[in-house]
PDB file of N, CA and C in Angstrom:
ATOM      1  N   UNK A   1     270.374  30.252  73.107  1.00  0.00           N
ATOM      2  CA  UNK A   1     271.993  30.457  74.175  1.00  0.00           C
ATOM      3  C   UNK A   1     270.878  29.683  75.946  1.00  0.00           C
ATOM      4  N   UNK A   2     271.810  28.735  75.823  1.00  0.00           N
ATOM      5  CA  UNK A   2     271.331  28.294  77.192  1.00  0.00           C
ATOM      6  C   UNK A   2     272.493  27.929  78.777  1.00  0.00           C
ATOM      7  N   UNK A   3     272.354  27.937  79.775  1.00  0.00           N
ATOM      8  CA  UNK A   3     273.584  27.856  80.615  1.00  0.00           C
ATOM      9  C   UNK A   3     274.250  26.495  80.838  1.00  0.00           C
ATOM     10  N   UNK A   4     275.385  26.783  81.006  1.00  0.00           N
ATOM     11  CA  UNK A   4     276.534  25.447  80.470  1.00  0.00           C
ATOM     12  C   UNK A   4     276.030  24.638  81.200  1.00  0.00           C
ATOM     13  N   UNK A   5     275.295  24.294  82.340  1.00  0.00           N
ATOM     14  CA  UNK A   5     274.298  23.372  83.091  1.00  0.00           C
ATOM     15  C   UNK A   5     273.359  22.476  82.287  1.00  0.00           C
ATOM     16  N   UNK A   6     273.333  22.830  81.052  1.00  0.00           N
ATOM     17  CA  UNK A   6     272.018  22.471  79.923  1.00  0.00           C
ATOM     18  C   UNK A   6     273.058  21.910  78.619  1.00  0.00           C
ATOM     19  N   UNK A   7     274.728  21.896  78.700  1.00  0.00           N
ATOM     20  CA  UNK A   7     275.139  21.449  77.935  1.00  0.00           C
ATOM     21  C   UNK A   7     274.844  20.183  77.427  1.00  0.00           C
ATOM     22  N   UNK A   8     274.216  19.174  78.109  1.00  0.00           N
ATOM     23  CA  UNK A   8     274.243  17.302  77.869  1.00  0.00           C
ATOM     24  C   UNK A   8     272.909  17.863  76.758  1.00  0.00           C
ATOM     25  N   UNK A   9     272.189  18.947  77.206  1.00  0.00           N
ATOM     26  CA  UNK A   9     270.763  18.572  75.979  1.00  0.00           C
ATOM     27  C   UNK A   9     271.261  18.904  75.377  1.00  0.00           C
ATOM     28  N   UNK A  10     272.234  19.832  74.656  1.00  0.00           N
ATOM     29  CA  UNK A  10     272.895  20.132  73.451  1.00  0.00           C
ATOM     30  C   UNK A  10     273.124  19.258  73.005  1.00  0.00           C
ATOM     31  N   UNK A  11     274.128  18.136  73.620  1.00  0.00           N
ATOM     32  CA  UNK A  11     275.294  16.990  73.223  1.00  0.00           C
ATOM     33  C   UNK A  11     274.366  16.022  72.827  1.00  0.00           C
ATOM     34  N   UNK A  12     272.847  16.347  73.354  1.00  0.00           N
ATOM     35  CA  UNK A  12     271.676  15.084  72.879  1.00  0.00           C
ATOM     36  C   UNK A  12     271.287  15.451  71.649  1.00  0.00           C
ATOM     37  N   UNK A  13     271.102  16.970  71.296  1.00  0.00           N
ATOM     38  CA  UNK A  13     270.218  17.382  70.306  1.00  0.00           C
ATOM     39  C   UNK A  13     271.616  17.523  69.143  1.00  0.00           C
ATOM     40  N   UNK A  14     273.168  17.399  69.735  1.00  0.00           N
ATOM     41  CA  UNK A  14     274.034  17.490  68.283  1.00  0.00           C
ATOM     42  C   UNK A  14     274.252  15.755  67.749  1.00  0.00           C
ATOM     43  N   UNK A  15     273.865  14.966  68.731  1.00  0.00           N
ATOM     44  CA  UNK A  15     273.866  13.877  68.566  1.00  0.00           C
ATOM     45  C   UNK A  15     273.245  13.133  67.945  1.00  0.00           C
ATOM     46  N   UNK A  16     272.024  13.500  68.110  1.00  0.00           N
ATOM     47  CA  UNK A  16     270.573  12.845  67.235  1.00  0.00           C
ATOM     48  C   UNK A  16     270.751  13.348  65.822  1.00  0.00           C
ATOM     49  N   UNK A  17     270.801  14.569  65.834  1.00  0.00           N
ATOM     50  CA  UNK A  17     271.024  15.190  64.191  1.00  0.00           C
ATOM     51  C   UNK A  17     272.108  15.301  63.404  1.00  0.00           C
ATOM     52  N   UNK A  18     273.198  14.488  64.288  1.00  0.00           N
ATOM     53  CA  UNK A  18     274.643  14.214  63.734  1.00  0.00           C
ATOM     54  C   UNK A  18     275.433  15.674  63.119  1.00  0.00           C
ATOM     55  N   UNK A  19     275.071  17.117  63.374  1.00  0.00           N
ATOM     56  CA  UNK A  19     274.971  18.467  62.671  1.00  0.00           C
ATOM     57  C   UNK A  19     275.423  19.494  63.788  1.00  0.00           C
ATOM     58  N   UNK A  20     276.322  20.264  63.657  1.00  0.00           N
ATOM     59  CA  UNK A  20     276.057  21.201  63.923  1.00  0.00           C
ATOM     60  C   UNK A  20     277.528  21.430  64.968  1.00  0.00           C
ATOM     61  N   UNK A  21     277.816  22.746  65.843  1.00  0.00           N
ATOM     62  CA  UNK A  21     278.420  22.557  66.704  1.00  0.00           C
ATOM     63  C   UNK A  21     278.035  23.177  67.881  1.00  0.00           C
ATOM     64  N   UNK A  22     278.838  23.046  68.840  1.00  0.00           N
ATOM     65  CA  UNK A  22     278.277  23.513  70.675  1.00  0.00           C
ATOM     66  C   UNK A  22     279.892  24.152  71.377  1.00  0.00           C
ATOM     67  N   UNK A  23     279.642  25.359  71.766  1.00  0.00           N
ATOM     68  CA  UNK A  23     280.421  26.266  71.488  1.00  0.00           C
ATOM     69  C   UNK A  23     280.116  27.061  73.451  1.00  0.00           C
ATOM     70  N   UNK A  24     280.910  27.621  73.623  1.00  0.00           N
ATOM     71  CA  UNK A  24     280.537  28.213  75.007  1.00  0.00           C
ATOM     72  C   UNK A  24     280.177  29.798  74.516  1.00  0.00           C
ATOM     73  N   UNK A  25     279.253  30.831  75.492  1.00  0.00           N
ATOM     74  CA  UNK A  25     278.862  31.901  75.517  1.00  0.00           C
ATOM     75  C   UNK A  25     278.650  32.478  76.444  1.00  0.00           C
ATOM     76  N   UNK A  26     280.336  33.429  76.475  1.00  0.00           N
ATOM     77  CA  UNK A  26     280.567  34.170  77.876  1.00  0.00           C
ATOM     78  C   UNK A  26     280.689  33.557  79.009  1.00  0.00           C
ATOM     79  N   UNK A  27     280.304  33.542  80.265  1.00  0.00           N
ATOM     80  CA  UNK A  27     281.093  32.782  81.338  1.00  0.00           C
ATOM     81  C   UNK A  27     280.026  31.534  81.683  1.00  0.00           C
ATOM     82  N   UNK A  28     278.989  31.696  81.271  1.00  0.00           N
ATOM     83  CA  UNK A  28     278.451  30.930  81.838  1.00  0.00           C
ATOM     84  C   UNK A  28     277.273  30.335  80.623  1.00  0.00           C
ATOM     85  N   UNK A  29     277.637  30.405  79.847  1.00  0.00           N
ATOM     86  CA  UNK A  29     276.494  30.014  78.520  1.00  0.00           C
ATOM     87  C   UNK A  29     277.026  29.199  77.389  1.00  0.00           C
ATOM     88  N   UNK A  30     276.095  28.721  77.004  1.00  0.00           N
ATOM     89  CA  UNK A  30     276.626  27.561  76.072  1.00  0.00           C
ATOM     90  C   UNK A  30     275.823  27.614  74.609  1.00  0.00           C
ATOM     91  N   UNK A  31     275.469  27.286  73.578  1.00  0.00           N
ATOM     92  CA  UNK A  31     274.429  27.282  72.728  1.00  0.00           C
ATOM     93  C   UNK A  31     275.201  26.122  71.302  1.00  0.00           C
ATOM     94  N   UNK A  32     274.526  25.958  70.563  1.00  0.00           N
ATOM     95  CA  UNK A  32     274.542  25.154  69.669  1.00  0.00           C
ATOM     96  C   UNK A  32     274.263  25.709  68.300  1.00  0.00           C
ATOM     97  N   UNK A  33     274.678  25.558  67.425  1.00  0.00           N
ATOM     98  CA  UNK A  33     275.122  26.404  66.302  1.00  0.00           C
ATOM     99  C   UNK A  33     274.806  25.706  64.512  1.00  0.00           C
ATOM    100  N   UNK A  34     274.096  25.554  63.887  1.00  0.00           N
ATOM    101  CA  UNK A  34     274.233  25.050  62.600  1.00  0.00           C
ATOM    102  C   UNK A  34     274.282  26.032  61.857  1.00  0.00           C
ATOM    103  N   UNK A  35     275.316  26.058  60.799  1.00  0.00           N
ATOM    104  CA  UNK A  35     275.661  26.733  59.641  1.00  0.00           C
ATOM    105  C   UNK A  35     275.330  26.458  58.797  1.00  0.00           C
ATOM    106  N   UNK A  36     275.691  25.139  58.023  1.00  0.00           N
ATOM    107  CA  UNK A  36     275.506  24.650  56.892  1.00  0.00           C
ATOM    108  C   UNK A  36     274.165  24.756  56.324  1.00  0.00           C
ATOM    109  N   UNK A  37     273.765  25.451  54.853  1.00  0.00           N
ATOM    110  CA  UNK A  37     272.518  25.194  54.520  1.00  0.00           C
ATOM    111  C   UNK A  37     271.548  23.724  54.475  1.00  0.00           C
ATOM    112  N   UNK A  38     272.717  22.483  54.020  1.00  0.00           N
ATOM    113  CA  UNK A  38     272.279  21.591  53.991  1.00  0.00           C
ATOM    114  C   UNK A  38     272.164  20.787  55.430  1.00  0.00           C
ATOM    115  N   UNK A  39     272.746  21.092  56.485  1.00  0.00           N
ATOM    116  CA  UNK A  39     272.697  20.890  57.885  1.00  0.00           C
ATOM    117  C   UNK A  39     271.376  21.539  58.197  1.00  0.00           C
ATOM    118  N   UNK A  40     271.192  22.847  57.983  1.00  0.00           N
ATOM    119  CA  UNK A  40     269.444  23.091  58.009  1.00  0.00           C
ATOM    120  C   UNK A  40     268.558  22.722  57.746  1.00  0.00           C
ATOM    121  N   UNK A  41     268.500  22.127  56.640  1.00  0.00           N
ATOM    122  CA  UNK A  41     267.841  21.729  55.415  1.00  0.00           C
ATOM    123  C   UNK A  41     267.142  20.426  56.198  1.00  0.00           C
ATOM    124  N   UNK A  42     267.697  19.510  56.946  1.00  0.00           N
ATOM    125  CA  UNK A  42     267.591  18.128  57.537  1.00  0.00           C
ATOM    126  C   UNK A  42     267.247  18.500  58.916  1.00  0.00           C
ATOM    127  N   UNK A  43     267.272  19.999  59.445  1.00  0.00           N
ATOM    128  CA  UNK A  43     266.814  19.956  60.843  1.00  0.00           C
ATOM    129  C   UNK A  43     265.216  20.793  60.889  1.00  0.00           C
ATOM    130  N   UNK A  44     265.470  21.570  59.807  1.00  0.00           N
ATOM    131  CA  UNK A  44     263.806  21.991  59.089  1.00  0.00           C
ATOM    132  C   UNK A  44     262.970  20.788  58.740  1.00  0.00           C
ATOM    133  N   UNK A  45     263.709  19.723  57.903  1.00  0.00           N
ATOM    134  CA  UNK A  45     262.849  18.916  57.785  1.00  0.00           C
ATOM    135  C   UNK A  45     262.043  17.830  59.015  1.00  0.00           C
ATOM    136  N   UNK A  46     262.880  17.754  59.935  1.00  0.00           N
ATOM    137  CA  UNK A  46     262.576  17.552  61.089  1.00  0.00           C
ATOM    138  C   UNK A  46     261.113  17.995  61.751  1.00  0.00           C
ATOM    139  N   UNK A  47     261.728  19.519  61.797  1.00  0.00           N
ATOM    140  CA  UNK A  47     260.333  20.303  62.304  1.00  0.00           C
ATOM    141  C   UNK A  47     259.015  20.342  61.735  1.00  0.00           C
ATOM    142  N   UNK A  48     259.430  19.985  60.291  1.00  0.00           N
ATOM    143  CA  UNK A  48     258.031  19.847  59.414  1.00  0.00           C
ATOM    144  C   UNK A  48     257.413  18.690  59.713  1.00  0.00           C
ATOM    145  N   UNK A  49     258.258  17.588  60.009  1.00  0.00           N
ATOM    146  CA  UNK A  49     257.740  16.254  60.319  1.00  0.00           C
ATOM    147  C   UNK A  49     256.844  16.144  61.584  1.00  0.00           C
ATOM    148  N   UNK A  50     257.721  16.739  62.217  1.00  0.00           N
ATOM    149  CA  UNK A  50     257.704  16.984  63.604  1.00  0.00           C
ATOM    150  C   UNK A  50     257.303  18.242  64.778  1.00  0.00           C
ATOM    151  N   UNK A  51     256.535  19.037  64.098  1.00  0.00           N
ATOM    152  CA  UNK A  51     255.772  19.947  64.969  1.00  0.00           C
ATOM    153  C   UNK A  51     256.243  20.635  66.372  1.00  0.00           C
ATOM    154  N   UNK A  52     256.600  21.182  66.648  1.00  0.00           N
ATOM    155  CA  UNK A  52     256.616  21.989  67.729  1.00  0.00           C
ATOM    156  C   UNK A  52     254.868  22.019  68.677  1.00  0.00           C
ATOM    157  N   UNK A  53     255.098  21.799  69.631  1.00  0.00           N
ATOM    158  CA  UNK A  53     252.959  21.990  70.052  1.00  0.00           C
ATOM    159  C   UNK A  53     253.009  22.920  71.127  1.00  0.00           C
ATOM    160  N   UNK A  54     254.031  23.921  70.753  1.00  0.00           N
ATOM    161  CA  UNK A  54     253.603  25.232  72.064  1.00  0.00           C
ATOM    162  C   UNK A  54     253.921  26.352  71.223  1.00  0.00           C
ATOM    163  N   UNK A  55     253.494  27.679  71.618  1.00  0.00           N
ATOM    164  CA  UNK A  55     253.883  28.997  71.129  1.00  0.00           C
ATOM    165  C   UNK A  55     254.607  29.311  70.003  1.00  0.00           C
ATOM    166  N   UNK A  56     256.485  28.247  70.454  1.00  0.00           N
ATOM    167  CA  UNK A  56     257.499  28.469  69.959  1.00  0.00           C
ATOM    168  C   UNK A  56     257.570  28.044  68.726  1.00  0.00           C
ATOM    169  N   UNK A  57     256.309  27.207  68.393  1.00  0.00           N
ATOM    170  CA  UNK A  57     256.197  26.605  67.040  1.00  0.00           C
ATOM    171  C   UNK A  57     256.566  27.864  66.020  1.00  0.00           C
ATOM    172  N   UNK A  58     255.929  29.164  66.517  1.00  0.00           N
ATOM    173  CA  UNK A  58     255.539  30.436  65.909  1.00  0.00           C
ATOM    174  C   UNK A  58     256.933  30.993  64.984  1.00  0.00           C
ATOM    175  N   UNK A  59     257.724  30.544  66.146  1.00  0.00           N
ATOM    176  CA  UNK A  59     258.882  31.168  65.835  1.00  0.00           C
ATOM    177  C   UNK A  59     259.613  30.350  65.325  1.00  0.00           C
ATOM    178  N   UNK A  60     259.227  29.050  64.743  1.00  0.00           N
ATOM    179  CA  UNK A  60     259.805  28.254  64.069  1.00  0.00           C
ATOM    180  C   UNK A  60     259.104  28.416  62.542  1.00  0.00           C
ATOM    181  N   UNK A  61     258.084  28.895  62.415  1.00  0.00           N
ATOM    182  CA  UNK A  61     257.801  29.331  61.062  1.00  0.00           C
ATOM    183  C   UNK A  61     258.531  30.424  60.593  1.00  0.00           C
ATOM    184  N   UNK A  62     258.410  31.131  61.843  1.00  0.00           N
ATOM    185  CA  UNK A  62     259.048  32.956  60.879  1.00  0.00           C
ATOM    186  C   UNK A  62     260.534  32.331  60.768  1.00  0.00           C
ATOM    187  N   UNK A  63     261.176  31.408  61.501  1.00  0.00           N
ATOM    188  CA  UNK A  63     262.866  31.285  60.716  1.00  0.00           C
ATOM    189  C   UNK A  63     262.588  30.745  59.697  1.00  0.00           C
ATOM    190  N   UNK A  64     261.908  29.443  59.305  1.00  0.00           N
ATOM    191  CA  UNK A  64     261.252  28.783  58.267  1.00  0.00           C
ATOM    192  C   UNK A  64     261.256  30.093  56.956  1.00  0.00           C
ATOM    193  N   UNK A  65     260.384  30.760  57.643  1.00  0.00           N
ATOM    194  CA  UNK A  65     260.212  31.621  56.395  1.00  0.00           C
ATOM    195  C   UNK A  65     261.549  32.395  55.752  1.00  0.00           C
ATOM    196  N   UNK A  66     262.225  33.074  57.092  1.00  0.00           N
ATOM    197  CA  UNK A  66     264.130  33.537  56.427  1.00  0.00           C
ATOM    198  C   UNK A  66     264.470  32.088  55.575  1.00  0.00           C
ATOM    199  N   UNK A  67     264.811  31.374  55.901  1.00  0.00           N
ATOM    200  CA  UNK A  67     265.350  30.217  55.544  1.00  0.00           C
ATOM    201  C   UNK A  67     264.784  30.422  53.909  1.00  0.00           C
ATOM    202  N   UNK A  68     263.762  30.230  53.718  1.00  0.00           N
ATOM    203  CA  UNK A  68     263.383  30.295  52.363  1.00  0.00           C
ATOM    204  C   UNK A  68     263.643  31.065  51.495  1.00  0.00           C
ATOM    205  N   UNK A  69     263.522  32.612  52.338  1.00  0.00           N
ATOM    206  CA  UNK A  69     264.157  33.985  51.837  1.00  0.00           C
ATOM    207  C   UNK A  69     265.168  33.509  51.166  1.00  0.00           C
ATOM    208  N   UNK A  70     266.361  32.873  51.843  1.00  0.00           N
ATOM    209  CA  UNK A  70     267.837  33.153  51.435  1.00  0.00           C
ATOM    210  C   UNK A  70     267.835  31.906  50.782  1.00  0.00           C
ATOM    211  N   UNK A  71     267.229  30.694  50.660  1.00  0.00           N
ATOM    212  CA  UNK A  71     267.612  30.040  49.769  1.00  0.00           C
ATOM    213  C   UNK A  71     267.368  30.429  48.134  1.00  0.00           C
ATOM    214  N   UNK A  72     266.356  31.459  48.262  1.00  0.00           N
ATOM    215  CA  UNK A  72     265.835  32.329  46.847  1.00  0.00           C
ATOM    216  C   UNK A  72     266.890  33.523  46.789  1.00  0.00           C
ATOM    217  N   UNK A  73     267.501  33.760  47.634  1.00  0.00           N
ATOM    218  CA  UNK A  73     268.688  34.808  47.803  1.00  0.00           C
ATOM    219  C   UNK A  73     267.971  36.226  47.494  1.00  0.00           C
ATOM    220  N   UNK A  74     267.106  35.872  48.115  1.00  0.00           N
ATOM    221  CA  UNK A  74     266.568  37.361  48.466  1.00  0.00           C
ATOM    222  C   UNK A  74     266.963  37.821  49.401  1.00  0.00           C
ATOM    223  N   UNK A  75     267.714  37.604  50.524  1.00  0.00           N
ATOM    224  CA  UNK A  75     269.000  38.434  51.473  1.00  0.00           C
ATOM    225  C   UNK A  75     269.769  39.122  50.733  1.00  0.00           C
ATOM    226  N   UNK A  76     270.239  39.047  49.599  1.00  0.00           N
ATOM    227  CA  UNK A  76     270.537  39.826  48.797  1.00  0.00           C
ATOM    228  C   UNK A  76     270.039  40.801  48.197  1.00  0.00           C
ATOM    229  N   UNK A  77     268.948  41.497  48.680  1.00  0.00           N
ATOM    230  CA  UNK A  77     268.212  42.502  48.075  1.00  0.00           C
ATOM    231  C   UNK A  77     267.649  43.320  49.347  1.00  0.00           C
ATOM    232  N   UNK A  78     267.758  44.536  48.517  1.00  0.00           N
ATOM    233  CA  UNK A  78     266.933  45.897  49.991  1.00  0.00           C
ATOM    234  C   UNK A  78     265.565  45.186  50.207  1.00  0.00           C
ATOM    235  N   UNK A  79     264.932  44.509  49.563  1.00  0.00           N
ATOM    236  CA  UNK A  79     263.652  44.215  49.566  1.00  0.00           C
ATOM    237  C   UNK A  79     263.601  42.893  50.467  1.00  0.00           C
ATOM    238  N   UNK A  80     264.414  42.369  50.208  1.00  0.00           N
ATOM    239  CA  UNK A  80     264.486  41.034  50.752  1.00  0.00           C
ATOM    240  C   UNK A  80     265.193  41.065  52.646  1.00  0.00           C
ATOM    241  N   UNK A  81     265.814  42.109  52.372  1.00  0.00           N
ATOM    242  CA  UNK A  81     266.827  42.622  54.030  1.00  0.00           C
ATOM    243  C   UNK A  81     265.909  42.845  54.893  1.00  0.00           C
ATOM    244  N   UNK A  82     264.859  43.361  53.655  1.00  0.00           N
ATOM    245  CA  UNK A  82     263.286  44.658  54.700  1.00  0.00           C
ATOM    246  C   UNK A  82     262.404  43.091  55.461  1.00  0.00           C
ATOM    247  N   UNK A  83     262.313  42.600  54.540  1.00  0.00           N
ATOM    248  CA  UNK A  83     261.617  41.015  54.530  1.00  0.00           C
ATOM    249  C   UNK A  83     262.004  40.751  56.209  1.00  0.00           C
ATOM    250  N   UNK A  84     263.260  40.476  56.241  1.00  0.00           N
ATOM    251  CA  UNK A  84     264.126  39.489  56.957  1.00  0.00           C
ATOM    252  C   UNK A  84     263.940  40.260  58.160  1.00  0.00           C
ATOM    253  N   UNK A  85     264.105  41.408  57.840  1.00  0.00           N
ATOM    254  CA  UNK A  85     264.195  42.570  59.572  1.00  0.00           C
ATOM    255  C   UNK A  85     262.824  41.990  60.134  1.00  0.00           C
ATOM    256  N   UNK A  86     261.667  42.344  59.054  1.00  0.00           N
ATOM    257  CA  UNK A  86     260.596  42.416  59.681  1.00  0.00           C
ATOM    258  C   UNK A  86     260.216  41.473  60.364  1.00  0.00           C
ATOM    259  N   UNK A  87     260.171  40.230  60.158  1.00  0.00           N
ATOM    260  CA  UNK A  87     260.293  38.837  60.616  1.00  0.00           C
ATOM    261  C   UNK A  87     261.283  38.614  61.566  1.00  0.00           C
ATOM    262  N   UNK A  88     262.241  39.319  61.944  1.00  0.00           N
ATOM    263  CA  UNK A  88     263.619  38.863  62.866  1.00  0.00           C
ATOM    264  C   UNK A  88     262.678  39.754  64.361  1.00  0.00           C
ATOM    265  N   UNK A  89     261.846  41.177  63.884  1.00  0.00           N
ATOM    266  CA  UNK A  89     261.460  41.543  65.007  1.00  0.00           C
ATOM    267  C   UNK A  89     259.917  40.902  65.301  1.00  0.00           C
ATOM    268  N   UNK A  90     259.529  40.111  65.363  1.00  0.00           N
ATOM    269  CA  UNK A  90     258.696  38.951  65.536  1.00  0.00           C
ATOM    270  C   UNK A  90     259.269  37.922  65.988  1.00  0.00           C
ATOM    271  N   UNK A  91     260.374  38.000  66.496  1.00  0.00           N
ATOM    272  CA  UNK A  91     260.903  36.710  66.933  1.00  0.00           C
ATOM    273  C   UNK A  91     261.358  37.239  68.306  1.00  0.00           C
ATOM    274  N   UNK A  92     261.179  36.163  69.419  1.00  0.00           N
ATOM    275  CA  UNK A  92     262.065  35.987  70.530  1.00  0.00           C
ATOM    276  C   UNK A  92     261.960  37.439  70.833  1.00  0.00           C
ATOM    277  N   UNK A  93     262.552  38.497  71.344  1.00  0.00           N
ATOM    278  CA  UNK A  93     262.598  39.580  72.180  1.00  0.00           C
ATOM    279  C   UNK A  93     262.609  40.582  70.584  1.00  0.00           C
ATOM    280  N   UNK A  94     262.273  40.602  69.292  1.00  0.00           N
ATOM    281  CA  UNK A  94     262.466  41.460  68.997  1.00  0.00           C
ATOM    282  C   UNK A  94     264.273  41.984  67.855  1.00  0.00           C
ATOM    283  N   UNK A  95     263.708  42.815  67.789  1.00  0.00           N
ATOM    284  CA  UNK A  95     264.836  43.691  66.993  1.00  0.00           C
ATOM    285  C   UNK A  95     265.731  44.335  68.254  1.00  0.00           C
ATOM    286  N   UNK A  96     267.319  44.139  68.119  1.00  0.00           N
ATOM    287  CA  UNK A  96     267.802  44.893  69.135  1.00  0.00           C
ATOM    288  C   UNK A  96     268.249  46.095  69.184  1.00  0.00           C
ATOM    289  N   UNK A  97     268.028  47.062  69.856  1.00  0.00           N
ATOM    290  CA  UNK A  97     268.639  48.752  70.207  1.00  0.00           C
ATOM    291  C   UNK A  97     269.273  49.053  68.645  1.00  0.00           C
ATOM    292  N   UNK A  98     270.381  48.382  68.291  1.00  0.00           N
ATOM    293  CA  UNK A  98     271.338  49.053  67.271  1.00  0.00           C
ATOM    294  C   UNK A  98     270.205  48.454  65.959  1.00  0.00           C
ATOM    295  N   UNK A  99     269.890  47.610  65.725  1.00  0.00           N
ATOM    296  CA  UNK A  99     269.161  47.477  64.575  1.00  0.00           C
ATOM    297  C   UNK A  99     267.703  48.522  64.160  1.00  0.00           C
ATOM    298  N   UNK A 100     267.095  48.828  65.400  1.00  0.00           N
ATOM    299  CA  UNK A 100     266.095  49.816  66.136  1.00  0.00           C
ATOM    300  C   UNK A 100     266.355  51.358  65.053  1.00  0.00           C
ATOM    301  N   UNK A 101     267.627  51.492  65.347  1.00  0.00           N
ATOM    302  CA  UNK A 101     268.238  52.703  65.552  1.00  0.00           C
ATOM    303  C   UNK A 101     268.707  52.380  63.703  1.00  0.00           C
ATOM    304  N   UNK A 102     269.187  51.972  63.371  1.00  0.00           N
ATOM    305  CA  UNK A 102     269.224  51.507  61.799  1.00  0.00           C
ATOM    306  C   UNK A 102     268.271  51.415  60.974  1.00  0.00           C
ATOM    307  N   UNK A 103     267.400  50.897  61.080  1.00  0.00           N
ATOM    308  CA  UNK A 103     265.974  50.773  60.318  1.00  0.00           C
ATOM    309  C   UNK A 103     264.785  50.907  61.193  1.00  0.00           C
ATOM    310  N   UNK A 104     264.932  52.278  61.573  1.00  0.00           N
ATOM    311  CA  UNK A 104     263.218  53.034  62.180  1.00  0.00           C
ATOM    312  C   UNK A 104     261.637  52.551  61.614  1.00  0.00           C
ATOM    313  N   UNK A 105     262.119  52.067  60.493  1.00  0.00           N
ATOM    314  CA  UNK A 105     261.234  51.946  59.776  1.00  0.00           C
ATOM    315  C   UNK A 105     260.486  50.932  59.229  1.00  0.00           C
ATOM    316  N   UNK A 106     260.608  50.164  60.145  1.00  0.00           N
ATOM    317  CA  UNK A 106     260.576  48.336  59.932  1.00  0.00           C
ATOM    318  C   UNK A 106     259.387  47.784  61.038  1.00  0.00           C
ATOM    319  N   UNK A 107     258.331  47.007  60.021  1.00  0.00           N
ATOM    320  CA  UNK A 107     256.985  46.405  60.966  1.00  0.00           C
ATOM    321  C   UNK A 107     257.211  45.501  61.154  1.00  0.00           C
ATOM    322  N   UNK A 108     256.848  44.825  62.075  1.00  0.00           N
ATOM    323  CA  UNK A 108     257.007  43.261  62.682  1.00  0.00           C
ATOM    324  C   UNK A 108     256.161  42.776  61.706  1.00  0.00           C
ATOM    325  N   UNK A 109     256.444  41.460  61.751  1.00  0.00           N
ATOM    326  CA  UNK A 109     255.307  40.858  60.858  1.00  0.00           C
ATOM    327  C   UNK A 109     254.185  40.198  61.926  1.00  0.00           C
ATOM    328  N   UNK A 110     253.406  39.874  61.716  1.00  0.00           N
ATOM    329  CA  UNK A 110     252.219  39.328  62.498  1.00  0.00           C
ATOM    330  C   UNK A 110     252.867  37.493  62.880  1.00  0.00           C
ATOM    331  N   UNK A 111     252.768  37.112  64.257  1.00  0.00           N
ATOM    332  CA  UNK A 111     253.172  35.916  64.552  1.00  0.00           C
ATOM    333  C   UNK A 111     252.077  35.019  64.049  1.00  0.00           C
ATOM    334  N   UNK A 112     252.410  33.700  63.444  1.00  0.00           N
ATOM    335  CA  UNK A 112     251.032  32.987  63.248  1.00  0.00           C
ATOM    336  C   UNK A 112     250.913  32.410  64.922  1.00  0.00           C
ATOM    337  N   UNK A 113     249.338  31.854  64.839  1.00  0.00           N
ATOM    338  CA  UNK A 113     249.007  31.647  66.174  1.00  0.00           C
ATOM    339  C   UNK A 113     249.007  30.038  65.793  1.00  0.00           C
ATOM    340  N   UNK A 114     249.899  29.110  67.074  1.00  0.00           N
ATOM    341  CA  UNK A 114     249.567  27.947  67.142  1.00  0.00           C
ATOM    342  C   UNK A 114     248.308  27.355  67.897  1.00  0.00           C
ATOM    343  N   UNK A 115     248.075  26.413  67.157  1.00  0.00           N
ATOM    344  CA  UNK A 115     246.231  25.837  67.839  1.00  0.00           C
ATOM    345  C   UNK A 115     247.054  24.656  68.428  1.00  0.00           C
ATOM    346  N   UNK A 116     245.957  24.140  69.135  1.00  0.00           N
ATOM    347  CA  UNK A 116     246.157  22.528  69.586  1.00  0.00           C
ATOM    348  C   UNK A 116     247.897  22.822  70.658  1.00  0.00           C
ATOM    349  N   UNK A 117     247.736  24.452  71.361  1.00  0.00           N
ATOM    350  CA  UNK A 117     249.054  23.920  71.826  1.00  0.00           C
ATOM    351  C   UNK A 117     248.870  23.006  73.271  1.00  0.00           C
ATOM    352  N   UNK A 118     250.032  22.637  73.439  1.00  0.00           N
ATOM    353  CA  UNK A 118     250.190  21.640  74.868  1.00  0.00           C
ATOM    354  C   UNK A 118     250.835  22.465  75.526  1.00  0.00           C
ATOM    355  N   UNK A 119     250.607  22.303  76.905  1.00  0.00           N
ATOM    356  CA  UNK A 119     251.323  23.258  78.218  1.00  0.00           C
ATOM    357  C   UNK A 119     252.330  22.186  78.445  1.00  0.00           C
ATOM    358  N   UNK A 120     253.784  22.796  78.111  1.00  0.00           N
ATOM    359  CA  UNK A 120     254.597  21.353  78.816  1.00  0.00           C
ATOM    360  C   UNK A 120     254.694  21.196  79.894  1.00  0.00           C
ATOM    361  N   UNK A 121     254.679  21.564  80.589  1.00  0.00           N
ATOM    362  CA  UNK A 121     254.251  20.990  82.336  1.00  0.00           C
ATOM    363  C   UNK A 121     253.211  19.933  82.343  1.00  0.00           C
ATOM    364  N   UNK A 122     252.286  20.343  81.497  1.00  0.00           N
ATOM    365  CA  UNK A 122     251.032  19.663  81.600  1.00  0.00           C
ATOM    366  C   UNK A 122     251.395  18.139  81.059  1.00  0.00           C
ATOM    367  N   UNK A 123     251.863  18.382  79.833  1.00  0.00           N
ATOM    368  CA  UNK A 123     252.552  17.008  79.020  1.00  0.00           C
ATOM    369  C   UNK A 123     253.347  16.576  79.751  1.00  0.00           C
ATOM    370  N   UNK A 124     254.025  17.205  80.550  1.00  0.00           N
ATOM    371  CA  UNK A 124     255.580  15.769  81.190  1.00  0.00           C
ATOM    372  C   UNK A 124     254.782  15.233  82.236  1.00  0.00           C
ATOM    373  N   UNK A 125     253.507  16.157  82.692  1.00  0.00           N
ATOM    374  CA  UNK A 125     252.954  15.418  83.792  1.00  0.00           C
ATOM    375  C   UNK A 125     252.451  14.178  83.317  1.00  0.00           C
ATOM    376  N   UNK A 126     251.361  14.635  82.228  1.00  0.00           N
ATOM    377  CA  UNK A 126     250.822  13.254  81.397  1.00  0.00           C
ATOM    378  C   UNK A 126     251.411  12.148  80.743  1.00  0.00           C
ATOM    379  N   UNK A 127     253.110  12.948  80.784  1.00  0.00           N
ATOM    380  CA  UNK A 127     253.562  11.498  79.717  1.00  0.00           C
ATOM    381  C   UNK A 127     254.457  10.732  81.094  1.00  0.00           C
ATOM    382  N   UNK A 128     254.926  11.088  82.131  1.00  0.00           N
ATOM    383  CA  UNK A 128     254.607  10.544  83.570  1.00  0.00           C
ATOM    384  C   UNK A 128     253.713   9.732  84.298  1.00  0.00           C
ATOM    385  N   UNK A 129     252.743   9.764  84.316  1.00  0.00           N
ATOM    386  CA  UNK A 129     251.885   8.797  84.884  1.00  0.00           C
ATOM    387  C   UNK A 129     251.445   7.634  83.839  1.00  0.00           C
TER     388      UNK A 129
END
């Protein structure tokens, strides 16, 4: 989710991929969502072809792992749900308190280490020089 002032960035993303929808979240938030498996495949293909160059790539790789589990229908099994929760526990802020309470034995997976990271502020400076 981004602040509503950043909606033009989300509109550019939506226009680039020609997929997804932008919606308002709360009083000052906005988000871009993709719900179709086929639309997600397009976006995943893009990020496989053009990988992120920051540690955020680790979140992408974990997200892709969940996507692949779902393609194999593993999310419909108890073991698959456990795998997805372990992955979610390693992404961003981890599991929300409600899921921690419901699944107290979930152990997070190890986050991938992204090599050759680029500091966004430094890369922007180099780009504009």
